[in-house]
């Protein structure tokens, strides 16, 4: 059975967020940023959202986003995502933006699901 683009990105995001190293190494700022980044893409556009992330020293998040995107866009990596978003022609940029929004949404979902400090997590453990 062939996986859809969303399934591939979901699997990659799950791998990133469910690893013990993620749980130990990512702080509340990362989690908060991951939860707000899809709205930032939607509001500002991909290139500006990535530029903002890099300005705020969120290279780790941009790298993770690139890793999730790499599951369906093999030319994209965390290291070259910013460059691709700035240099792409309009059609390519629109497609990449839609996929990046989807990838960011998967990261947001899993960060929220694995967030030990959220109210939802506290209710689930009760």
Protein backbone atom coordinates (compact mmCIF):
# COMPACT_ATOMS: atom_id res chain seq x y z
CA UNK A 1 0.00 0.00 0.00
CA UNK A 2 1.30 3.42 -0.92
CA UNK A 3 1.28 6.13 1.73
CA UNK A 4 -0.11 9.59 1.03
CA UNK A 5 1.99 12.72 1.45
CA UNK A 6 0.21 13.47 4.71
CA UNK A 7 0.85 9.95 6.01
CA UNK A 8 4.55 10.24 5.19
CA UNK A 9 4.84 13.60 6.93
CA UNK A 10 2.83 12.35 9.92
CA UNK A 11 5.15 9.36 10.31
CA UNK A 12 8.26 11.57 10.17
CA UNK A 13 6.83 14.10 12.63
CA UNK A 14 5.84 11.29 14.99
CA UNK A 15 9.37 9.87 14.86
CA UNK A 16 10.86 13.28 15.69
CA UNK A 17 8.51 14.16 18.52
CA UNK A 18 8.12 10.75 20.14
CA UNK A 19 11.86 10.13 20.56
CA UNK A 20 13.17 10.30 24.11
CA UNK A 21 15.88 12.70 22.95
CA UNK A 22 13.15 15.09 21.80
CA UNK A 23 11.34 14.89 25.11
CA UNK A 24 14.53 15.66 27.01
CA UNK A 25 16.04 18.21 24.62
CA UNK A 26 13.11 20.39 23.57
CA UNK A 27 12.03 23.11 25.92
CA UNK A 28 8.77 24.95 26.42
CA UNK A 29 9.82 27.67 23.95
CA UNK A 30 10.15 25.06 21.20
CA UNK A 31 6.75 23.60 22.05
CA UNK A 32 5.11 27.03 22.09
CA UNK A 33 6.74 27.98 18.78
CA UNK A 34 5.69 24.68 17.18
CA UNK A 35 2.11 25.30 18.25
CA UNK A 36 2.03 28.79 16.70
CA UNK A 37 4.07 28.24 13.53
CA UNK A 38 1.26 26.95 11.25
CA UNK A 39 -0.68 30.17 11.88
CA UNK A 40 2.45 32.16 11.12
CA UNK A 41 2.81 30.45 7.72
CA UNK A 42 -0.85 31.10 7.01
CA UNK A 43 -0.63 34.75 8.03
CA UNK A 44 2.78 35.80 6.68
CA UNK A 45 3.71 33.24 4.07
CA UNK A 46 6.38 30.55 4.21
CA UNK A 47 9.47 32.63 3.40
CA UNK A 48 8.65 35.30 5.97
CA UNK A 49 7.68 32.72 8.61
CA UNK A 50 11.00 30.91 8.17
CA UNK A 51 12.91 34.21 8.25
CA UNK A 52 11.13 35.07 11.50
CA UNK A 53 11.97 31.65 12.95
CA UNK A 54 15.63 32.02 12.07
CA UNK A 55 15.72 35.57 13.47
CA UNK A 56 14.29 34.22 16.75
CA UNK A 57 17.03 31.53 16.84
CA UNK A 58 14.61 28.66 16.13
CA UNK A 59 17.01 26.77 13.84
CA UNK A 60 16.07 23.53 15.59
CA UNK A 61 12.44 23.94 14.66
CA UNK A 62 13.26 24.92 11.07
CA UNK A 63 15.50 21.84 10.87
CA UNK A 64 12.71 19.62 12.16
CA UNK A 65 10.27 21.17 9.69
CA UNK A 66 12.74 20.48 6.89
CA UNK A 67 13.12 16.88 8.07
CA UNK A 68 9.35 16.36 7.97
CA UNK A 69 9.13 17.99 4.54
CA UNK A 70 11.99 15.82 3.28
CA UNK A 71 9.66 12.83 3.54
CA UNK A 72 7.75 14.17 0.52
CA UNK A 73 10.11 16.78 -0.94
CA UNK A 74 13.41 14.96 -1.23
CA UNK A 75 15.29 18.07 -2.35
CA UNK A 76 14.32 19.90 0.88
CA UNK A 77 16.33 19.59 4.08
CA UNK A 78 16.44 21.59 7.26
CA UNK A 79 19.57 23.31 6.01
CA UNK A 80 18.17 24.49 2.67
CA UNK A 81 14.49 25.10 3.48
CA UNK A 82 14.94 28.86 3.90
CA UNK A 83 16.80 29.11 0.61
CA UNK A 84 14.19 27.06 -1.26
CA UNK A 85 11.37 29.19 0.13
CA UNK A 86 13.08 32.40 -1.03
CA UNK A 87 14.21 31.20 -4.46
CA UNK A 88 11.18 29.20 -5.64
CA UNK A 89 9.05 30.36 -8.55
CA UNK A 90 5.46 31.24 -7.64
CA UNK A 91 3.88 27.86 -8.47
CA UNK A 92 6.63 25.98 -6.66
CA UNK A 93 6.40 28.40 -3.72
CA UNK A 94 2.65 27.87 -3.40
CA UNK A 95 3.04 24.08 -3.48
CA UNK A 96 5.91 24.20 -0.99
CA UNK A 97 3.89 26.52 1.27
CA UNK A 98 0.94 24.11 1.33
CA UNK A 99 3.21 21.18 2.15
CA UNK A 100 5.11 23.18 4.79
CA UNK A 101 1.80 24.16 6.39
CA UNK A 102 0.83 20.51 6.49
CA UNK A 103 4.22 19.50 7.92
CA UNK A 104 4.04 22.25 10.56
CA UNK A 105 0.55 21.10 11.47
CA UNK A 106 1.79 17.55 12.03
CA UNK A 107 4.59 18.82 14.27
CA UNK A 108 2.04 20.92 16.16
CA UNK A 109 -0.30 17.96 16.65
CA UNK A 110 2.40 15.68 17.99
CA UNK A 111 4.03 18.33 20.18
CA UNK A 112 0.59 18.96 21.69
CA UNK A 113 -0.07 15.24 22.10
CA UNK A 114 3.25 14.61 23.84
CA UNK A 115 3.22 17.82 25.89
CA UNK A 116 3.35 16.72 29.51
CA UNK A 117 2.57 20.21 30.79
CA UNK A 118 -0.61 20.90 28.85
CA UNK A 119 -4.05 20.79 30.46
CA UNK A 120 -5.11 18.11 28.00
CA UNK A 121 -2.23 15.85 29.06
CA UNK A 122 -3.15 16.33 32.70
CA UNK A 123 -6.75 15.38 31.98
CA UNK A 124 -5.67 12.26 30.03
CA UNK A 125 -3.54 11.03 32.93
CA UNK A 126 -6.38 11.44 35.45
